[in-house]
PDB file of N, CA and C in Angstrom:
ATOM      1  N   MET A   1      83.950  81.878  92.762  1.00  0.00           N
ATOM      2  CA  MET A   1      84.528  80.600  93.088  1.00  0.00           C
ATOM      3  C   MET A   1      85.293  80.738  94.400  1.00  0.00           C
ATOM      4  N   PHE A   2      85.009  79.864  95.316  1.00  0.00           N
ATOM      5  CA  PHE A   2      85.671  79.886  96.610  1.00  0.00           C
ATOM      6  C   PHE A   2      86.759  78.837  96.647  1.00  0.00           C
ATOM      7  N   PHE A   3      87.786  79.110  97.401  1.00  0.00           N
ATOM      8  CA  PHE A   3      88.828  78.122  97.618  1.00  0.00           C
ATOM      9  C   PHE A   3      88.762  77.685  99.073  1.00  0.00           C
ATOM     10  N   MET A   4      89.245  76.498  99.332  1.00  0.00           N
ATOM     11  CA  MET A   4      89.244  75.981 100.693  1.00  0.00           C
ATOM     12  C   MET A   4      90.411  76.593 101.456  1.00  0.00           C
ATOM     13  N   PRO A   5      90.126  77.306 102.521  1.00  0.00           N
ATOM     14  CA  PRO A   5      91.217  77.886 103.298  1.00  0.00           C
ATOM     15  C   PRO A   5      92.040  76.788 103.963  1.00  0.00           C
ATOM     16  N   GLY A   6      93.315  76.965 103.942  1.00  0.00           N
ATOM     17  CA  GLY A   6      94.203  76.012 104.583  1.00  0.00           C
ATOM     18  C   GLY A   6      95.564  76.641 104.774  1.00  0.00           C
ATOM     19  N   ILE A   7      96.271  76.194 105.777  1.00  0.00           N
ATOM     20  CA  ILE A   7      97.598  76.725 106.043  1.00  0.00           C
ATOM     21  C   ILE A   7      98.565  75.562 106.240  1.00  0.00           C
ATOM     22  N   ARG A   8      99.822  75.832 106.029  1.00  0.00           N
ATOM     23  CA  ARG A   8     100.874  74.854 106.300  1.00  0.00           C
ATOM     24  C   ARG A   8     101.486  75.229 107.644  1.00  0.00           C
ATOM     25  N   VAL A   9     101.574  74.253 108.516  1.00  0.00           N
ATOM     26  CA  VAL A   9     102.092  74.498 109.851  1.00  0.00           C
ATOM     27  C   VAL A   9     103.436  73.788 109.989  1.00  0.00           C
ATOM     28  N   ASP A  10     104.452  74.558 110.330  1.00  0.00           N
ATOM     29  CA  ASP A  10     105.763  73.972 110.609  1.00  0.00           C
ATOM     30  C   ASP A  10     105.776  73.425 112.029  1.00  0.00           C
ATOM     31  N   SER A  11     106.731  72.575 112.318  1.00  0.00           N
ATOM     32  CA  SER A  11     106.791  71.964 113.645  1.00  0.00           C
ATOM     33  C   SER A  11     107.110  72.989 114.726  1.00  0.00           C
ATOM     34  N   GLU A  12     107.803  74.070 114.363  1.00  0.00           N
ATOM     35  CA  GLU A  12     108.151  75.071 115.367  1.00  0.00           C
ATOM     36  C   GLU A  12     107.094  76.160 115.540  1.00  0.00           C
ATOM     37  N   ASP A  13     106.052  76.174 114.694  1.00  0.00           N
ATOM     38  CA  ASP A  13     104.985  77.169 114.817  1.00  0.00           C
ATOM     39  C   ASP A  13     104.115  76.889 116.034  1.00  0.00           C
ATOM     40  N   ALA A  14     103.731  77.967 116.711  1.00  0.00           N
ATOM     41  CA  ALA A  14     102.831  77.841 117.857  1.00  0.00           C
ATOM     42  C   ALA A  14     101.411  77.609 117.352  1.00  0.00           C
ATOM     43  N   PHE A  15     100.634  76.861 118.106  1.00  0.00           N
ATOM     44  CA  PHE A  15      99.263  76.543 117.700  1.00  0.00           C
ATOM     45  C   PHE A  15      98.423  77.798 117.581  1.00  0.00           C
ATOM     46  N   GLU A  16      98.573  78.736 118.519  1.00  0.00           N
ATOM     47  CA  GLU A  16      97.768  79.960 118.517  1.00  0.00           C
ATOM     48  C   GLU A  16      98.013  80.786 117.261  1.00  0.00           C
ATOM     49  N   ILE A  17      99.273  80.848 116.859  1.00  0.00           N
ATOM     50  CA  ILE A  17      99.611  81.625 115.655  1.00  0.00           C
ATOM     51  C   ILE A  17      99.035  80.945 114.416  1.00  0.00           C
ATOM     52  N   ALA A  18      99.131  79.619 114.350  1.00  0.00           N
ATOM     53  CA  ALA A  18      98.576  78.884 113.210  1.00  0.00           C
ATOM     54  C   ALA A  18      97.056  79.052 113.154  1.00  0.00           C
ATOM     55  N   LEU A  19      96.408  79.002 114.308  1.00  0.00           N
ATOM     56  CA  LEU A  19      94.957  79.184 114.359  1.00  0.00           C
ATOM     57  C   LEU A  19      94.570  80.586 113.907  1.00  0.00           C
ATOM     58  N   LYS A  20      95.342  81.572 114.316  1.00  0.00           N
ATOM     59  CA  LYS A  20      95.082  82.955 113.918  1.00  0.00           C
ATOM     60  C   LYS A  20      95.205  83.119 112.409  1.00  0.00           C
ATOM     61  N   ARG A  21      96.246  82.501 111.812  1.00  0.00           N
ATOM     62  CA  ARG A  21      96.423  82.565 110.362  1.00  0.00           C
ATOM     63  C   ARG A  21      95.263  81.888 109.639  1.00  0.00           C
ATOM     64  N   PHE A  22      94.824  80.743 110.173  1.00  0.00           N
ATOM     65  CA  PHE A  22      93.709  80.026 109.555  1.00  0.00           C
ATOM     66  C   PHE A  22      92.431  80.854 109.626  1.00  0.00           C
ATOM     67  N   ARG A  23      92.141  81.436 110.779  1.00  0.00           N
ATOM     68  CA  ARG A  23      90.941  82.268 110.924  1.00  0.00           C
ATOM     69  C   ARG A  23      90.959  83.447 109.964  1.00  0.00           C
ATOM     70  N   LYS A  24      92.132  84.032 109.769  1.00  0.00           N
ATOM     71  CA  LYS A  24      92.255  85.158 108.855  1.00  0.00           C
ATOM     72  C   LYS A  24      91.942  84.727 107.428  1.00  0.00           C
ATOM     73  N   GLN A  25      92.436  83.546 107.042  1.00  0.00           N
ATOM     74  CA  GLN A  25      92.147  83.034 105.693  1.00  0.00           C
ATOM     75  C   GLN A  25      90.667  82.733 105.515  1.00  0.00           C
ATOM     76  N   VAL A  26      90.043  82.171 106.554  1.00  0.00           N
ATOM     77  CA  VAL A  26      88.610  81.864 106.498  1.00  0.00           C
ATOM     78  C   VAL A  26      87.815  83.162 106.339  1.00  0.00           C
ATOM     79  N   GLU A  27      88.216  84.192 107.061  1.00  0.00           N
ATOM     80  CA  GLU A  27      87.528  85.480 106.972  1.00  0.00           C
ATOM     81  C   GLU A  27      87.674  86.079 105.583  1.00  0.00           C
ATOM     82  N   ARG A  28      88.879  86.034 105.026  1.00  0.00           N
ATOM     83  CA  ARG A  28      89.109  86.585 103.690  1.00  0.00           C
ATOM     84  C   ARG A  28      88.330  85.832 102.620  1.00  0.00           C
ATOM     85  N   ALA A  29      88.192  84.523 102.785  1.00  0.00           N
ATOM     86  CA  ALA A  29      87.484  83.715 101.797  1.00  0.00           C
ATOM     87  C   ALA A  29      85.973  83.913 101.885  1.00  0.00           C
ATOM     88  N   GLY A  30      85.492  84.446 103.004  1.00  0.00           N
ATOM     89  CA  GLY A  30      84.061  84.690 103.158  1.00  0.00           C
ATOM     90  C   GLY A  30      83.284  83.441 103.512  1.00  0.00           C
ATOM     91  N   VAL A  31      83.914  82.472 104.106  1.00  0.00           N
ATOM     92  CA  VAL A  31      83.267  81.199 104.424  1.00  0.00           C
ATOM     93  C   VAL A  31      82.160  81.398 105.456  1.00  0.00           C
ATOM     94  N   ILE A  32      82.434  82.137 106.516  1.00  0.00           N
ATOM     95  CA  ILE A  32      81.459  82.330 107.591  1.00  0.00           C
ATOM     96  C   ILE A  32      80.236  83.083 107.078  1.00  0.00           C
ATOM     97  N   SER A  33      80.465  84.177 106.344  1.00  0.00           N
ATOM     98  CA  SER A  33      79.333  84.957 105.839  1.00  0.00           C
ATOM     99  C   SER A  33      78.506  84.133 104.850  1.00  0.00           C
ATOM    100  N   GLU A  34      79.172  83.303 104.054  1.00  0.00           N
ATOM    101  CA  GLU A  34      78.454  82.441 103.106  1.00  0.00           C
ATOM    102  C   GLU A  34      77.600  81.414 103.850  1.00  0.00           C
ATOM    103  N   CYS A  35      78.128  80.851 104.917  1.00  0.00           N
ATOM    104  CA  CYS A  35      77.363  79.879 105.717  1.00  0.00           C
ATOM    105  C   CYS A  35      76.142  80.543 106.339  1.00  0.00           C
ATOM    106  N   ARG A  36      76.333  81.725 106.875  1.00  0.00           N
ATOM    107  CA  ARG A  36      75.199  82.436 107.483  1.00  0.00           C
ATOM    108  C   ARG A  36      74.146  82.769 106.437  1.00  0.00           C
ATOM    109  N   ARG A  37      74.596  83.146 105.236  1.00  0.00           N
ATOM    110  CA  ARG A  37      73.653  83.497 104.175  1.00  0.00           C
ATOM    111  C   ARG A  37      72.844  82.283 103.733  1.00  0.00           C
ATOM    112  N   ARG A  38      73.459  81.100 103.724  1.00  0.00           N
ATOM    113  CA  ARG A  38      72.792  79.890 103.271  1.00  0.00           C
ATOM    114  C   ARG A  38      72.091  79.125 104.396  1.00  0.00           C
ATOM    115  N   GLU A  39      72.105  79.688 105.597  1.00  0.00           N
ATOM    116  CA  GLU A  39      71.528  78.997 106.748  1.00  0.00           C
ATOM    117  C   GLU A  39      70.036  78.720 106.556  1.00  0.00           C
ATOM    118  N   ALA A  40      69.322  79.655 105.950  1.00  0.00           N
ATOM    119  CA  ALA A  40      67.894  79.489 105.724  1.00  0.00           C
ATOM    120  C   ALA A  40      67.590  79.893 104.283  1.00  0.00           C
ATOM    121  N   TYR A  41      66.504  79.364 103.762  1.00  0.00           N
ATOM    122  CA  TYR A  41      66.111  79.673 102.393  1.00  0.00           C
ATOM    123  C   TYR A  41      65.727  81.140 102.291  1.00  0.00           C
ATOM    124  N   GLU A  42      66.203  81.781 101.244  1.00  0.00           N
ATOM    125  CA  GLU A  42      65.870  83.173 100.989  1.00  0.00           C
ATOM    126  C   GLU A  42      65.041  83.238  99.712  1.00  0.00           C
ATOM    127  N   LYS A  43      63.822  83.765  99.847  1.00  0.00           N
ATOM    128  CA  LYS A  43      62.958  83.856  98.680  1.00  0.00           C
ATOM    129  C   LYS A  43      63.602  84.759  97.636  1.00  0.00           C
ATOM    130  N   PRO A  44      63.357  84.487  96.353  1.00  0.00           N
ATOM    131  CA  PRO A  44      63.956  85.304  95.297  1.00  0.00           C
ATOM    132  C   PRO A  44      63.616  86.790  95.417  1.00  0.00           C
ATOM    133  N   SER A  45      62.405  87.104  95.853  1.00  0.00           N
ATOM    134  CA  SER A  45      62.040  88.518  95.984  1.00  0.00           C
ATOM    135  C   SER A  45      62.850  89.190  97.088  1.00  0.00           C
ATOM    136  N   ILE A  46      63.090  88.479  98.173  1.00  0.00           N
ATOM    137  CA  ILE A  46      63.891  89.020  99.268  1.00  0.00           C
ATOM    138  C   ILE A  46      65.344  89.173  98.826  1.00  0.00           C
ATOM    139  N   ALA A  47      65.857  88.194  98.087  1.00  0.00           N
ATOM    140  CA  ALA A  47      67.233  88.269  97.587  1.00  0.00           C
ATOM    141  C   ALA A  47      67.384  89.470  96.659  1.00  0.00           C
ATOM    142  N   LYS A  48      66.387  89.695  95.807  1.00  0.00           N
ATOM    143  CA  LYS A  48      66.421  90.827  94.888  1.00  0.00           C
ATOM    144  C   LYS A  48      66.431  92.148  95.653  1.00  0.00           C
ATOM    145  N   LYS A  49      65.587  92.249  96.682  1.00  0.00           N
ATOM    146  CA  LYS A  49      65.557  93.472  97.497  1.00  0.00           C
ATOM    147  C   LYS A  49      66.882  93.694  98.202  1.00  0.00           C
ATOM    148  N   ARG A  50      67.493  92.617  98.721  1.00  0.00           N
ATOM    149  CA  ARG A  50      68.774  92.735  99.407  1.00  0.00           C
ATOM    150  C   ARG A  50      69.865  93.206  98.452  1.00  0.00           C
ATOM    151  N   LYS A  51      69.870  92.658  97.244  1.00  0.00           N
ATOM    152  CA  LYS A  51      70.875  93.052  96.262  1.00  0.00           C
ATOM    153  C   LYS A  51      70.677  94.504  95.814  1.00  0.00           C
ATOM    154  N   GLU A  52      69.418  94.919  95.634  1.00  0.00           N
ATOM    155  CA  GLU A  52      69.147  96.306  95.256  1.00  0.00           C
ATOM    156  C   GLU A  52      69.563  97.263  96.361  1.00  0.00           C
ATOM    157  N   ALA A  53      69.319  96.894  97.608  1.00  0.00           N
ATOM    158  CA  ALA A  53      69.728  97.740  98.736  1.00  0.00           C
ATOM    159  C   ALA A  53      71.249  97.858  98.790  1.00  0.00           C
ATOM    160  N   ALA A  54      71.946  96.756  98.540  1.00  0.00           N
ATOM    161  CA  ALA A  54      73.410  96.791  98.534  1.00  0.00           C
ATOM    162  C   ALA A  54      73.920  97.677  97.397  1.00  0.00           C
ATOM    163  N   ALA A  55      73.264  97.608  96.239  1.00  0.00           N
ATOM    164  CA  ALA A  55      73.663  98.442  95.109  1.00  0.00           C
ATOM    165  C   ALA A  55      73.429  99.919  95.427  1.00  0.00           C
ATOM    166  N   ARG A  56      72.290 100.226  96.061  1.00  0.00           N
ATOM    167  CA  ARG A  56      72.016 101.611  96.468  1.00  0.00           C
ATOM    168  C   ARG A  56      73.071 102.108  97.439  1.00  0.00           C
ATOM    169  N   LYS A  57      73.428 101.261  98.386  1.00  0.00           N
ATOM    170  CA  LYS A  57      74.428 101.627  99.390  1.00  0.00           C
ATOM    171  C   LYS A  57      75.782 101.909  98.727  1.00  0.00           C
ATOM    172  N   ARG A  58      76.177 101.054  97.768  1.00  0.00           N
ATOM    173  CA  ARG A  58      77.440 101.282  97.059  1.00  0.00           C
ATOM    174  C   ARG A  58      77.403 102.584  96.272  1.00  0.00           C
ATOM    175  N   LEU A  59      76.267 102.854  95.620  1.00  0.00           N
ATOM    176  CA  LEU A  59      76.120 104.081  94.840  1.00  0.00           C
ATOM    177  C   LEU A  59      76.228 105.308  95.731  1.00  0.00           C
ATOM    178  N   MET A  60      75.550 105.290  96.873  1.00  0.00           N
ATOM    179  CA  MET A  60      75.601 106.433  97.787  1.00  0.00           C
ATOM    180  C   MET A  60      77.018 106.635  98.314  1.00  0.00           C
ATOM    181  N   LYS A  61      77.709 105.563  98.588  1.00  0.00           N
ATOM    182  CA  LYS A  61      79.088 105.655  99.066  1.00  0.00           C
ATOM    183  C   LYS A  61      79.967 106.291  97.989  1.00  0.00           C
ATOM    184  N   ARG A  62      79.774 105.866  96.752  1.00  0.00           N
ATOM    185  CA  ARG A  62      80.547 106.410  95.637  1.00  0.00           C
ATOM    186  C   ARG A  62      80.253 107.894  95.461  1.00  0.00           C
ATOM    187  N   LEU A  63      78.970 108.270  95.551  1.00  0.00           N
ATOM    188  CA  LEU A  63      78.603 109.679  95.407  1.00  0.00           C
ATOM    189  C   LEU A  63      79.179 110.535  96.535  1.00  0.00           C
ATOM    190  N   ARG A  64      79.170 109.997  97.761  1.00  0.00           N
ATOM    191  CA  ARG A  64      79.760 110.742  98.884  1.00  0.00           C
ATOM    192  C   ARG A  64      81.247 110.987  98.653  1.00  0.00           C
ATOM    193  N   ARG A  65      81.936 109.977  98.157  1.00  0.00           N
ATOM    194  CA  ARG A  65      83.371 110.135  97.883  1.00  0.00           C
ATOM    195  C   ARG A  65      83.610 111.205  96.830  1.00  0.00           C
ATOM    196  N   ILE A  66      82.822 111.169  95.758  1.00  0.00           N
ATOM    197  CA  ILE A  66      82.965 112.155  94.684  1.00  0.00           C
ATOM    198  C   ILE A  66      82.680 113.546  95.216  1.00  0.00           C
ATOM    199  N   HIS A  67      81.622 113.677  96.004  1.00  0.00           N
ATOM    200  CA  HIS A  67      81.253 114.978  96.557  1.00  0.00           C
ATOM    201  C   HIS A  67      82.362 115.511  97.465  1.00  0.00           C
ATOM    202  N   ARG A  68      82.916 114.635  98.306  1.00  0.00           N
ATOM    203  CA  ARG A  68      84.009 115.049  99.191  1.00  0.00           C
ATOM    204  C   ARG A  68      85.229 115.484  98.388  1.00  0.00           C
ATOM    205  N   ARG A  69      85.520 114.759  97.319  1.00  0.00           N
ATOM    206  CA  ARG A  69      86.671 115.077  96.481  1.00  0.00           C
ATOM    207  C   ARG A  69      86.480 116.435  95.806  1.00  0.00           C
ATOM    208  N   GLU A  70      85.263 116.700  95.316  1.00  0.00           N
ATOM    209  CA  GLU A  70      84.979 117.971  94.671  1.00  0.00           C
ATOM    210  C   GLU A  70      85.033 119.123  95.662  1.00  0.00           C
ATOM    211  N   ALA A  71      84.554 118.903  96.855  1.00  0.00           N
ATOM    212  CA  ALA A  71      84.573 119.963  97.880  1.00  0.00           C
ATOM    213  C   ALA A  71      86.009 120.281  98.291  1.00  0.00           C
ATOM    214  N   ARG A  72      86.869 119.291  98.266  1.00  0.00           N
ATOM    215  CA  ARG A  72      88.256 119.498  98.672  1.00  0.00           C
ATOM    216  C   ARG A  72      89.035 120.274  97.616  1.00  0.00           C
ATOM    217  N   GLU A  73      88.630 120.205  96.347  1.00  0.00           N
ATOM    218  CA  GLU A  73      89.356 120.885  95.265  1.00  0.00           C
ATOM    219  C   GLU A  73      89.190 122.384  95.318  1.00  0.00           C
ATOM    220  N   PHE A  74      88.099 122.861  95.877  1.00  0.00           N
ATOM    221  CA  PHE A  74      87.858 124.320  95.900  1.00  0.00           C
ATOM    222  C   PHE A  74      88.437 124.978  97.087  1.00  0.00           C
TER     223      PHE A  74
END
């Protein structure tokens, strides 16, 4: 579930600072990446391959961390 990014701007806040805060919230919410992902239709088979590749990448990252931790103990 996504929330709509928004900030409260006081009268004494500079525009640049308010814009920077807003951009940071948009980035954290993943709005830009979601828009890019939905820009064109993605076939289910392609989506499945992308998700499997991401899962493989996470697994390899986890294994590298474990391996590094074990190597450091000795």
